[in-house]
Amino acid sequence: MIFGIGTDLVDISRFKKMKSLNNFAKKTLSNNELRIFNTLKESNKASYLAKQFAGKEAISKAFGTGISKPVLIKDIEILRNEKGKPIFNPLGNIKKEILNLGIAKTHVSLSDEKNYAVAFAILEV
């Protein structure tokens, strides 16, 4: 049964215009995500960060809280499997919240096209 659905749309140009993209990345990405971010070419960093941010927002919306306690942005980690599929890896408080709510499955999809990044998330109990 579906617990929640979330979606988010981000304008990548907002990220490209940031004077401190690296600082924003440090504030929003998990340690694993930040390691990946730091290996990217400069030309790919804004797109990666926009997709990660949209994914985190979509997941937080699926929880019904948005980015606020107990859902903290750095606790929402989105990695990729060997085929490139996004995988939600909950950390910290959100991991506990998933257990408390009985969330059994999570799904997240990320995409970008030209100036936009979009994310869609589903949480199942």
C-alpha atoms as a PDB file:
ATOM      1  CA  MET A   1       0.000   0.000   0.000  1.00  0.00           C
ATOM      2  CA  ILE A   2       1.248   3.479  -0.800  1.00  0.00           C
ATOM      3  CA  PHE A   3       2.153   5.606   2.210  1.00  0.00           C
ATOM      4  CA  GLY A   4       3.110   8.714   0.264  1.00  0.00           C
ATOM      5  CA  ILE A   5       4.030  10.176  -3.115  1.00  0.00           C
ATOM      6  CA  GLY A   6       6.263  13.172  -3.702  1.00  0.00           C
ATOM      7  CA  THR A   7       7.553  15.068  -6.703  1.00  0.00           C
ATOM      8  CA  ASP A   8       9.805  18.051  -7.260  1.00  0.00           C
ATOM      9  CA  LEU A   9      10.917  20.118 -10.245  1.00  0.00           C
ATOM     10  CA  VAL A  10      14.100  22.206 -10.132  1.00  0.00           C
ATOM     11  CA  ASP A  11      15.501  24.791 -12.536  1.00  0.00           C
ATOM     12  CA  ILE A  12      19.131  23.716 -13.074  1.00  0.00           C
ATOM     13  CA  SER A  13      20.106  27.263 -14.064  1.00  0.00           C
ATOM     14  CA  ARG A  14      19.512  28.305 -10.415  1.00  0.00           C
ATOM     15  CA  PHE A  15      22.313  25.942  -9.435  1.00  0.00           C
ATOM     16  CA  LYS A  16      24.562  27.057 -12.292  1.00  0.00           C
ATOM     17  CA  LYS A  17      24.213  30.668 -11.104  1.00  0.00           C
ATOM     18  CA  MET A  18      25.162  29.875  -7.496  1.00  0.00           C
ATOM     19  CA  LYS A  19      28.327  31.610  -6.412  1.00  0.00           C
ATOM     20  CA  SER A  20      29.000  28.931  -3.814  1.00  0.00           C
ATOM     21  CA  LEU A  21      27.824  25.677  -5.395  1.00  0.00           C
ATOM     22  CA  ASN A  22      30.410  23.738  -3.373  1.00  0.00           C
ATOM     23  CA  ASN A  23      29.160  25.246  -0.090  1.00  0.00           C
ATOM     24  CA  PHE A  24      25.556  24.396  -0.962  1.00  0.00           C
ATOM     25  CA  ALA A  25      26.664  20.843  -1.787  1.00  0.00           C
ATOM     26  CA  LYS A  26      28.349  20.537   1.629  1.00  0.00           C
ATOM     27  CA  LYS A  27      25.136  21.675   3.349  1.00  0.00           C
ATOM     28  CA  THR A  28      22.782  19.352   1.463  1.00  0.00           C
ATOM     29  CA  LEU A  29      24.667  16.216   0.392  1.00  0.00           C
ATOM     30  CA  SER A  30      25.576  13.200   2.510  1.00  0.00           C
ATOM     31  CA  ASN A  31      29.249  12.243   2.781  1.00  0.00           C
ATOM     32  CA  ASN A  32      28.852   9.612   0.029  1.00  0.00           C
ATOM     33  CA  GLU A  33      26.996  12.017  -2.269  1.00  0.00           C
ATOM     34  CA  LEU A  34      29.612  14.700  -1.646  1.00  0.00           C
ATOM     35  CA  ARG A  35      32.402  12.281  -2.586  1.00  0.00           C
ATOM     36  CA  ILE A  36      30.642  11.638  -5.903  1.00  0.00           C
ATOM     37  CA  PHE A  37      30.024  15.376  -6.431  1.00  0.00           C
ATOM     38  CA  ASN A  38      33.719  16.116  -5.904  1.00  0.00           C
ATOM     39  CA  THR A  39      34.745  13.632  -8.632  1.00  0.00           C
ATOM     40  CA  LEU A  40      32.548  15.276 -11.286  1.00  0.00           C
ATOM     41  CA  LYS A  41      33.683  17.701 -13.965  1.00  0.00           C
ATOM     42  CA  GLU A  42      32.743  21.282 -13.085  1.00  0.00           C
ATOM     43  CA  SER A  43      30.313  21.315 -16.034  1.00  0.00           C
ATOM     44  CA  ASN A  44      28.318  18.402 -14.516  1.00  0.00           C
ATOM     45  CA  LYS A  45      28.176  19.515 -10.887  1.00  0.00           C
ATOM     46  CA  ALA A  46      25.114  21.795 -11.130  1.00  0.00           C
ATOM     47  CA  SER A  47      23.037  19.132 -12.873  1.00  0.00           C
ATOM     48  CA  TYR A  48      24.033  16.446 -10.348  1.00  0.00           C
ATOM     49  CA  LEU A  49      23.274  18.719  -7.404  1.00  0.00           C
ATOM     50  CA  ALA A  50      19.924  19.782  -8.894  1.00  0.00           C
ATOM     51  CA  LYS A  51      18.845  16.149  -9.377  1.00  0.00           C
ATOM     52  CA  GLN A  52      19.966  15.180  -5.871  1.00  0.00           C
ATOM     53  CA  PHE A  53      18.144  18.174  -4.379  1.00  0.00           C
ATOM     54  CA  ALA A  54      14.952  17.420  -6.337  1.00  0.00           C
ATOM     55  CA  GLY A  55      15.155  13.790  -5.186  1.00  0.00           C
ATOM     56  CA  LYS A  56      15.567  14.791  -1.561  1.00  0.00           C
ATOM     57  CA  GLU A  57      12.603  17.180  -1.826  1.00  0.00           C
ATOM     58  CA  ALA A  58      10.432  14.513  -3.487  1.00  0.00           C
ATOM     59  CA  ILE A  59      11.257  11.975  -0.774  1.00  0.00           C
ATOM     60  CA  SER A  60      10.550  14.494   1.994  1.00  0.00           C
ATOM     61  CA  LYS A  61       7.195  15.289   0.387  1.00  0.00           C
ATOM     62  CA  ALA A  62       6.360  11.573   0.226  1.00  0.00           C
ATOM     63  CA  PHE A  63       6.863  11.522   4.011  1.00  0.00           C
ATOM     64  CA  GLY A  64       4.325  14.359   4.206  1.00  0.00           C
ATOM     65  CA  THR A  65       6.677  16.656   6.098  1.00  0.00           C
ATOM     66  CA  GLY A  66       8.898  18.346   3.558  1.00  0.00           C
ATOM     67  CA  ILE A  67      12.426  19.104   4.724  1.00  0.00           C
ATOM     68  CA  SER A  68      11.815  19.494   8.464  1.00  0.00           C
ATOM     69  CA  LYS A  69      12.255  17.347  11.545  1.00  0.00           C
ATOM     70  CA  PRO A  70      12.375  14.396  11.599  1.00  0.00           C
ATOM     71  CA  VAL A  71      13.287  14.515   7.872  1.00  0.00           C
ATOM     72  CA  LEU A  72      16.660  16.261   7.505  1.00  0.00           C
ATOM     73  CA  ILE A  73      18.113  16.881   4.053  1.00  0.00           C
ATOM     74  CA  LYS A  74      21.487  15.222   4.730  1.00  0.00           C
ATOM     75  CA  ASP A  75      19.712  12.101   6.058  1.00  0.00           C
ATOM     76  CA  ILE A  76      18.186  11.560   2.607  1.00  0.00           C
ATOM     77  CA  GLU A  77      20.950   9.888   0.618  1.00  0.00           C
ATOM     78  CA  ILE A  78      20.374   8.978  -3.022  1.00  0.00           C
ATOM     79  CA  LEU A  79      22.977   6.717  -4.569  1.00  0.00           C
ATOM     80  CA  ARG A  80      22.972   4.754  -7.842  1.00  0.00           C
ATOM     81  CA  ASN A  81      23.143   1.005  -8.359  1.00  0.00           C
ATOM     82  CA  GLU A  82      25.493  -0.567 -10.903  1.00  0.00           C
ATOM     83  CA  LYS A  83      23.018   0.220 -13.709  1.00  0.00           C
ATOM     84  CA  GLY A  84      22.550   3.850 -12.669  1.00  0.00           C
ATOM     85  CA  LYS A  85      19.153   3.428 -10.986  1.00  0.00           C
ATOM     86  CA  PRO A  86      18.671   5.871  -8.074  1.00  0.00           C
ATOM     87  CA  ILE A  87      18.466   4.141  -4.696  1.00  0.00           C
ATOM     88  CA  PHE A  88      17.254   5.895  -1.541  1.00  0.00           C
ATOM     89  CA  ASN A  89      19.562   5.085   1.372  1.00  0.00           C
ATOM     90  CA  PRO A  90      18.065   6.514   4.583  1.00  0.00           C
ATOM     91  CA  LEU A  91      20.462   7.802   7.242  1.00  0.00           C
ATOM     92  CA  GLY A  92      20.152   9.114  10.806  1.00  0.00           C
ATOM     93  CA  ASN A  93      16.706  10.192  12.016  1.00  0.00           C
ATOM     94  CA  ILE A  94      14.963   9.290   8.781  1.00  0.00           C
ATOM     95  CA  LYS A  95      16.105   5.669   9.120  1.00  0.00           C
ATOM     96  CA  LYS A  96      14.357   5.521  12.519  1.00  0.00           C
ATOM     97  CA  GLU A  97      11.268   7.226  11.087  1.00  0.00           C
ATOM     98  CA  ILE A  98      11.028   4.610   8.319  1.00  0.00           C
ATOM     99  CA  LEU A  99      10.998   1.850  10.939  1.00  0.00           C
ATOM    100  CA  ASN A 100       8.437   3.708  13.095  1.00  0.00           C
ATOM    101  CA  LEU A 101       6.104   4.252  10.132  1.00  0.00           C
ATOM    102  CA  GLY A 102       6.481   0.721   8.787  1.00  0.00           C
ATOM    103  CA  ILE A 103       7.820   1.838   5.397  1.00  0.00           C
ATOM    104  CA  ALA A 104       8.733  -1.377   3.577  1.00  0.00           C
ATOM    105  CA  LYS A 105       9.747  -0.113   0.132  1.00  0.00           C
ATOM    106  CA  THR A 106      10.986   3.126  -1.356  1.00  0.00           C
ATOM    107  CA  HIS A 107      11.190   4.198  -4.978  1.00  0.00           C
ATOM    108  CA  VAL A 108      12.834   7.272  -6.458  1.00  0.00           C
ATOM    109  CA  SER A 109      13.244   8.393 -10.052  1.00  0.00           C
ATOM    110  CA  LEU A 110      15.463  11.283 -11.191  1.00  0.00           C
ATOM    111  CA  SER A 111      15.667  12.885 -14.610  1.00  0.00           C
ATOM    112  CA  ASP A 112      16.948  16.037 -16.243  1.00  0.00           C
ATOM    113  CA  GLU A 113      16.458  17.726 -19.592  1.00  0.00           C
ATOM    114  CA  LYS A 114      18.160  20.952 -20.605  1.00  0.00           C
ATOM    115  CA  ASN A 115      17.316  23.393 -17.788  1.00  0.00           C
ATOM    116  CA  TYR A 116      15.192  21.187 -15.549  1.00  0.00           C
ATOM    117  CA  ALA A 117      15.622  18.323 -13.122  1.00  0.00           C
ATOM    118  CA  VAL A 118      12.637  16.350 -11.888  1.00  0.00           C
ATOM    119  CA  ALA A 119      12.235  13.719  -9.198  1.00  0.00           C
ATOM    120  CA  PHE A 120       9.420  11.390  -8.203  1.00  0.00           C
ATOM    121  CA  ALA A 121       9.282   9.304  -5.018  1.00  0.00           C
ATOM    122  CA  ILE A 122       6.954   6.654  -3.641  1.00  0.00           C
ATOM    123  CA  LEU A 123       6.983   5.184  -0.131  1.00  0.00           C
ATOM    124  CA  GLU A 124       5.166   1.901   0.507  1.00  0.00           C
ATOM    125  CA  VAL A 125       4.072   0.224   3.741  1.00  0.00           C
END
